[in-house]
Amino acid sequence: MFLSRRRLSSIIFEVSDNKNLHELWTPELFKRNGTAGTNISLDDHELPGLEFVSDGVIRISLNRQLCPQRVSELIELGGFRLTGGRIRRLRHDEDKLLQHTNGDLALC
């Protein structure tokens, strides 16, 4: 039980306090490659996005020029995935942090 809680509380990806960051990478890459919203094969190493080996915390916060909607779109298209190809979507608390702490200076 302790190990599970610890793993879920570990930060596996963080993008914070980047004053000029506008994009992580463009969702158009996923649309063009036909990977939008699908589970992804382990054999395809050429796909855009990030693959995580554990299911810890994703924290994207305090990026004043980064539109939260663009990040959400990117994630929904399969930009984050777990080993094995399963798409990693944001949990409620991760999404809330994304929506409320990013993009206050951006034209979204």
N, C-alpha and C. Protein backbone atom coordinates (compact mmCIF):
# COMPACT_ATOMS: atom_id res chain seq x y z
N MET A 1 0.82 -1.19 0.00
CA MET A 1 0.00 0.00 0.00
C MET A 1 0.87 1.26 0.00
N PHE A 2 1.89 1.30 0.84
CA PHE A 2 2.77 2.46 0.91
C PHE A 2 3.46 2.72 -0.43
N LEU A 3 3.93 1.66 -1.07
CA LEU A 3 4.62 1.80 -2.35
C LEU A 3 3.70 2.39 -3.42
N SER A 4 2.44 1.95 -3.46
CA SER A 4 1.48 2.47 -4.44
C SER A 4 1.26 3.96 -4.25
N ARG A 5 1.05 4.37 -3.01
CA ARG A 5 0.84 5.80 -2.74
C ARG A 5 2.06 6.61 -3.12
N ARG A 6 3.22 6.09 -2.80
CA ARG A 6 4.45 6.81 -3.12
C ARG A 6 4.62 6.96 -4.62
N ARG A 7 4.35 5.91 -5.37
CA ARG A 7 4.48 5.98 -6.83
C ARG A 7 3.52 7.01 -7.40
N LEU A 8 2.28 7.04 -6.91
CA LEU A 8 1.30 7.99 -7.42
C LEU A 8 1.64 9.43 -7.04
N SER A 9 2.42 9.63 -5.99
CA SER A 9 2.76 10.99 -5.60
C SER A 9 4.06 11.47 -6.24
N SER A 10 4.79 10.60 -6.90
CA SER A 10 6.03 10.99 -7.57
C SER A 10 5.70 11.77 -8.84
N ILE A 11 6.41 12.86 -9.06
CA ILE A 11 6.21 13.66 -10.27
C ILE A 11 7.02 13.02 -11.39
N ILE A 12 6.34 12.66 -12.48
CA ILE A 12 7.02 12.04 -13.61
C ILE A 12 7.27 13.02 -14.75
N PHE A 13 6.54 14.15 -14.75
CA PHE A 13 6.71 15.16 -15.80
C PHE A 13 6.28 16.50 -15.24
N GLU A 14 7.14 17.51 -15.38
CA GLU A 14 6.79 18.84 -14.88
C GLU A 14 7.29 19.90 -15.85
N VAL A 15 6.40 20.82 -16.17
CA VAL A 15 6.74 22.01 -16.95
C VAL A 15 6.18 23.18 -16.15
N SER A 16 7.07 23.95 -15.53
CA SER A 16 6.62 25.02 -14.63
C SER A 16 7.43 26.29 -14.81
N ASP A 17 6.72 27.40 -14.71
CA ASP A 17 7.32 28.73 -14.65
C ASP A 17 8.22 29.05 -15.84
N ASN A 18 7.73 28.72 -17.04
CA ASN A 18 8.42 29.08 -18.28
C ASN A 18 7.70 30.30 -18.87
N LYS A 19 8.27 31.45 -18.70
CA LYS A 19 7.59 32.70 -19.03
C LYS A 19 7.28 32.88 -20.52
N ASN A 20 8.04 32.25 -21.40
CA ASN A 20 7.84 32.44 -22.84
C ASN A 20 7.36 31.19 -23.57
N LEU A 21 7.03 30.14 -22.86
CA LEU A 21 6.60 28.89 -23.48
C LEU A 21 5.19 29.04 -24.05
N HIS A 22 5.04 28.79 -25.37
CA HIS A 22 3.74 28.90 -26.04
C HIS A 22 3.16 27.53 -26.36
N GLU A 23 3.99 26.55 -26.65
CA GLU A 23 3.55 25.20 -27.04
C GLU A 23 4.49 24.17 -26.44
N LEU A 24 3.95 22.99 -26.12
CA LEU A 24 4.82 21.85 -25.78
C LEU A 24 5.29 21.22 -27.08
N TRP A 25 4.37 20.84 -27.93
CA TRP A 25 4.58 20.46 -29.33
C TRP A 25 3.21 20.51 -29.96
N THR A 26 3.14 20.56 -31.24
CA THR A 26 1.87 20.86 -31.88
C THR A 26 0.97 19.64 -32.04
N PRO A 27 -0.30 19.77 -31.69
CA PRO A 27 -1.26 18.68 -31.88
C PRO A 27 -1.39 18.25 -33.33
N GLU A 28 -1.02 19.12 -34.27
CA GLU A 28 -1.12 18.77 -35.69
C GLU A 28 -0.28 17.55 -36.04
N LEU A 29 0.82 17.31 -35.32
CA LEU A 29 1.64 16.11 -35.56
C LEU A 29 0.82 14.84 -35.37
N PHE A 30 -0.06 14.84 -34.40
CA PHE A 30 -0.88 13.66 -34.12
C PHE A 30 -1.96 13.48 -35.17
N LYS A 31 -2.55 14.57 -35.58
CA LYS A 31 -3.60 14.51 -36.60
C LYS A 31 -3.02 14.00 -37.91
N ARG A 32 -1.83 14.49 -38.27
CA ARG A 32 -1.18 14.11 -39.52
C ARG A 32 -0.77 12.64 -39.51
N ASN A 33 -0.32 12.14 -38.35
CA ASN A 33 0.14 10.76 -38.25
C ASN A 33 -0.98 9.76 -37.98
N GLY A 34 -2.21 10.25 -37.80
CA GLY A 34 -3.33 9.35 -37.59
C GLY A 34 -3.34 8.66 -36.25
N THR A 35 -2.70 9.25 -35.23
CA THR A 35 -2.67 8.63 -33.91
C THR A 35 -3.68 9.24 -32.96
N ALA A 36 -4.45 10.18 -33.42
CA ALA A 36 -5.35 10.92 -32.54
C ALA A 36 -6.31 10.00 -31.79
N GLY A 37 -6.24 10.07 -30.46
CA GLY A 37 -7.19 9.39 -29.60
C GLY A 37 -7.13 7.88 -29.60
N THR A 38 -6.07 7.29 -30.13
CA THR A 38 -6.00 5.83 -30.21
C THR A 38 -4.95 5.30 -29.25
N ASN A 39 -5.09 4.05 -28.89
CA ASN A 39 -4.00 3.39 -28.18
C ASN A 39 -2.92 3.10 -29.21
N ILE A 40 -1.68 3.10 -28.78
CA ILE A 40 -0.55 3.11 -29.70
C ILE A 40 0.24 1.82 -29.56
N SER A 41 0.71 1.29 -30.66
CA SER A 41 1.49 0.05 -30.67
C SER A 41 2.89 0.28 -30.11
N LEU A 42 3.37 -0.68 -29.34
CA LEU A 42 4.73 -0.60 -28.80
C LEU A 42 5.79 -0.61 -29.90
N ASP A 43 5.47 -1.18 -31.05
CA ASP A 43 6.45 -1.31 -32.12
C ASP A 43 6.73 0.01 -32.85
N ASP A 44 5.87 0.99 -32.66
CA ASP A 44 6.02 2.23 -33.42
C ASP A 44 6.76 3.26 -32.58
N HIS A 45 8.08 3.36 -32.77
CA HIS A 45 8.90 4.28 -31.99
C HIS A 45 8.99 5.66 -32.63
N GLU A 46 8.36 5.85 -33.76
CA GLU A 46 8.44 7.12 -34.47
C GLU A 46 7.30 8.07 -34.14
N LEU A 47 6.41 7.69 -33.25
CA LEU A 47 5.26 8.53 -32.93
C LEU A 47 5.67 9.73 -32.10
N PRO A 48 5.04 10.88 -32.33
CA PRO A 48 5.32 12.05 -31.52
C PRO A 48 4.76 11.86 -30.12
N GLY A 49 5.24 12.65 -29.20
CA GLY A 49 4.70 12.60 -27.84
C GLY A 49 5.70 12.01 -26.86
N LEU A 50 5.20 11.80 -25.64
CA LEU A 50 6.03 11.26 -24.57
C LEU A 50 5.48 9.94 -24.09
N GLU A 51 6.37 9.02 -23.77
CA GLU A 51 5.97 7.74 -23.18
C GLU A 51 6.52 7.68 -21.76
N PHE A 52 5.63 7.43 -20.80
CA PHE A 52 6.01 7.34 -19.40
C PHE A 52 6.03 5.89 -18.96
N VAL A 53 7.02 5.50 -18.17
CA VAL A 53 7.12 4.12 -17.70
C VAL A 53 6.37 3.91 -16.39
N SER A 54 5.98 4.99 -15.72
CA SER A 54 5.17 4.86 -14.50
C SER A 54 4.05 5.88 -14.53
N ASP A 55 3.05 5.65 -13.71
CA ASP A 55 1.86 6.49 -13.71
C ASP A 55 1.87 7.45 -12.53
N GLY A 56 2.87 8.32 -12.48
CA GLY A 56 2.95 9.30 -11.41
C GLY A 56 2.22 10.58 -11.78
N VAL A 57 2.60 11.66 -11.13
CA VAL A 57 1.93 12.96 -11.28
C VAL A 57 2.51 13.73 -12.46
N ILE A 58 1.62 14.34 -13.24
CA ILE A 58 2.00 15.26 -14.31
C ILE A 58 1.64 16.65 -13.83
N ARG A 59 2.62 17.55 -13.80
CA ARG A 59 2.38 18.90 -13.29
C ARG A 59 2.79 19.92 -14.35
N ILE A 60 1.80 20.68 -14.84
CA ILE A 60 2.04 21.75 -15.80
C ILE A 60 1.44 23.00 -15.18
N SER A 61 2.31 23.94 -14.76
CA SER A 61 1.81 25.09 -14.00
C SER A 61 2.67 26.33 -14.22
N LEU A 62 2.03 27.48 -14.03
CA LEU A 62 2.69 28.78 -14.03
C LEU A 62 3.42 29.12 -15.33
N ASN A 63 2.86 28.68 -16.44
CA ASN A 63 3.39 29.01 -17.76
C ASN A 63 2.44 30.05 -18.36
N ARG A 64 2.78 31.30 -18.23
CA ARG A 64 1.84 32.39 -18.49
C ARG A 64 1.45 32.54 -19.95
N GLN A 65 2.28 32.08 -20.88
CA GLN A 65 1.97 32.19 -22.31
C GLN A 65 1.41 30.89 -22.90
N LEU A 66 1.28 29.86 -22.10
CA LEU A 66 0.85 28.54 -22.57
C LEU A 66 -0.66 28.37 -22.38
N CYS A 67 -1.38 28.22 -23.49
CA CYS A 67 -2.84 28.07 -23.43
C CYS A 67 -3.21 26.68 -22.91
N PRO A 68 -3.96 26.61 -21.82
CA PRO A 68 -4.36 25.31 -21.27
C PRO A 68 -5.15 24.47 -22.26
N GLN A 69 -5.94 25.11 -23.11
CA GLN A 69 -6.75 24.37 -24.08
C GLN A 69 -5.87 23.62 -25.08
N ARG A 70 -4.75 24.23 -25.46
CA ARG A 70 -3.84 23.57 -26.41
C ARG A 70 -3.18 22.34 -25.77
N VAL A 71 -2.84 22.45 -24.50
CA VAL A 71 -2.26 21.31 -23.79
C VAL A 71 -3.30 20.20 -23.65
N SER A 72 -4.52 20.56 -23.29
CA SER A 72 -5.60 19.57 -23.16
C SER A 72 -5.84 18.86 -24.48
N GLU A 73 -5.85 19.61 -25.57
CA GLU A 73 -6.05 19.02 -26.90
C GLU A 73 -4.92 18.04 -27.22
N LEU A 74 -3.71 18.44 -26.94
CA LEU A 74 -2.54 17.60 -27.18
C LEU A 74 -2.65 16.28 -26.41
N ILE A 75 -3.05 16.35 -25.16
CA ILE A 75 -3.17 15.15 -24.33
C ILE A 75 -4.29 14.26 -24.83
N GLU A 76 -5.42 14.84 -25.19
CA GLU A 76 -6.55 14.05 -25.71
C GLU A 76 -6.20 13.35 -27.02
N LEU A 77 -5.29 13.92 -27.78
CA LEU A 77 -4.87 13.31 -29.04
C LEU A 77 -3.81 12.22 -28.85
N GLY A 78 -3.39 11.99 -27.62
CA GLY A 78 -2.42 10.92 -27.35
C GLY A 78 -1.00 11.39 -27.13
N GLY A 79 -0.81 12.64 -26.76
CA GLY A 79 0.53 13.19 -26.57
C GLY A 79 1.29 12.59 -25.40
N PHE A 80 0.56 12.08 -24.41
CA PHE A 80 1.17 11.40 -23.27
C PHE A 80 0.65 9.98 -23.27
N ARG A 81 1.54 9.01 -23.15
CA ARG A 81 1.10 7.62 -23.09
C ARG A 81 1.98 6.85 -22.12
N LEU A 82 1.42 5.76 -21.64
CA LEU A 82 2.15 4.87 -20.74
C LEU A 82 2.80 3.76 -21.55
N THR A 83 3.83 3.14 -20.99
CA THR A 83 4.43 1.99 -21.65
C THR A 83 3.33 0.97 -21.90
N GLY A 84 3.27 0.46 -23.09
CA GLY A 84 2.20 -0.45 -23.48
C GLY A 84 1.21 0.22 -24.41
N GLY A 85 1.32 1.54 -24.58
CA GLY A 85 0.51 2.25 -25.54
C GLY A 85 -0.75 2.91 -25.02
N ARG A 86 -1.11 2.67 -23.74
CA ARG A 86 -2.33 3.27 -23.21
C ARG A 86 -2.13 4.78 -23.07
N ILE A 87 -3.10 5.55 -23.54
CA ILE A 87 -3.03 7.01 -23.46
C ILE A 87 -3.14 7.44 -22.01
N ARG A 88 -2.26 8.36 -21.60
CA ARG A 88 -2.27 8.89 -20.23
C ARG A 88 -2.99 10.22 -20.25
N ARG A 89 -4.20 10.24 -19.74
CA ARG A 89 -4.96 11.49 -19.64
C ARG A 89 -4.70 12.12 -18.28
N LEU A 90 -4.99 13.40 -18.17
CA LEU A 90 -4.79 14.08 -16.89
C LEU A 90 -5.86 13.68 -15.89
N ARG A 91 -5.45 13.53 -14.65
CA ARG A 91 -6.40 13.32 -13.56
C ARG A 91 -7.08 14.66 -13.25
N HIS A 92 -8.14 14.62 -12.49
CA HIS A 92 -8.91 15.82 -12.18
C HIS A 92 -8.03 16.92 -11.57
N ASP A 93 -7.23 16.59 -10.57
CA ASP A 93 -6.39 17.59 -9.92
C ASP A 93 -5.30 18.12 -10.84
N GLU A 94 -4.76 17.28 -11.70
CA GLU A 94 -3.75 17.73 -12.66
C GLU A 94 -4.36 18.69 -13.68
N ASP A 95 -5.56 18.37 -14.16
CA ASP A 95 -6.25 19.22 -15.12
C ASP A 95 -6.64 20.55 -14.49
N LYS A 96 -7.09 20.52 -13.26
CA LYS A 96 -7.47 21.75 -12.56
C LYS A 96 -6.26 22.68 -12.42
N LEU A 97 -5.11 22.12 -12.05
CA LEU A 97 -3.88 22.91 -11.96
C LEU A 97 -3.52 23.51 -13.31
N LEU A 98 -3.60 22.71 -14.37
CA LEU A 98 -3.32 23.18 -15.73
C LEU A 98 -4.24 24.34 -16.10
N GLN A 99 -5.53 24.17 -15.90
CA GLN A 99 -6.52 25.17 -16.33
C GLN A 99 -6.41 26.48 -15.55
N HIS A 100 -6.06 26.41 -14.27
CA HIS A 100 -6.10 27.61 -13.43
C HIS A 100 -4.77 28.34 -13.28
N THR A 101 -3.67 27.74 -13.70
CA THR A 101 -2.38 28.40 -13.47
C THR A 101 -1.59 28.70 -14.74
N ASN A 102 -2.16 28.48 -15.89
CA ASN A 102 -1.46 28.71 -17.16
C ASN A 102 -2.26 29.65 -18.05
N GLY A 103 -1.56 30.34 -18.93
CA GLY A 103 -2.21 31.10 -19.99
C GLY A 103 -2.79 32.45 -19.64
N ASP A 104 -2.46 32.99 -18.48
CA ASP A 104 -3.06 34.27 -18.10
C ASP A 104 -2.60 35.43 -18.98
N LEU A 105 -1.49 35.29 -19.68
CA LEU A 105 -1.02 36.34 -20.60
C LEU A 105 -1.14 35.95 -22.07
N ALA A 106 -1.68 34.77 -22.33
CA ALA A 106 -1.77 34.27 -23.71
C ALA A 106 -3.08 34.67 -24.37
N LEU A 107 -3.05 34.77 -25.69
CA LEU A 107 -4.28 34.96 -26.46
C LEU A 107 -4.73 33.57 -26.90
N CYS A 108 -5.60 32.99 -26.12
CA CYS A 108 -6.00 31.60 -26.36
C CYS A 108 -7.24 31.51 -27.24
